[in-house]
Amino acid sequence: MCVIEKRRKRDLPQINEFFRFPKIRVIATDAQQLGIITPQEALTMAEDK
């Protein structure tokens, strides 16, 4: 993988299972703030919807 490809991947937002933080802020599609929770809790909420 060349340097440019690595940089492009690094600049992309973190998605679903690839979050690197212990807590994340979750916002619903209607802009309602759901709170600061673990990525696993957020994935569960998303799967339920």
Foldseek 3Di string as FASTA:
>chain_A
DDPVVVVVVVPDDQDQPRDPDQWDWDADPVRRTPGIHGSVVVVVVVVVD
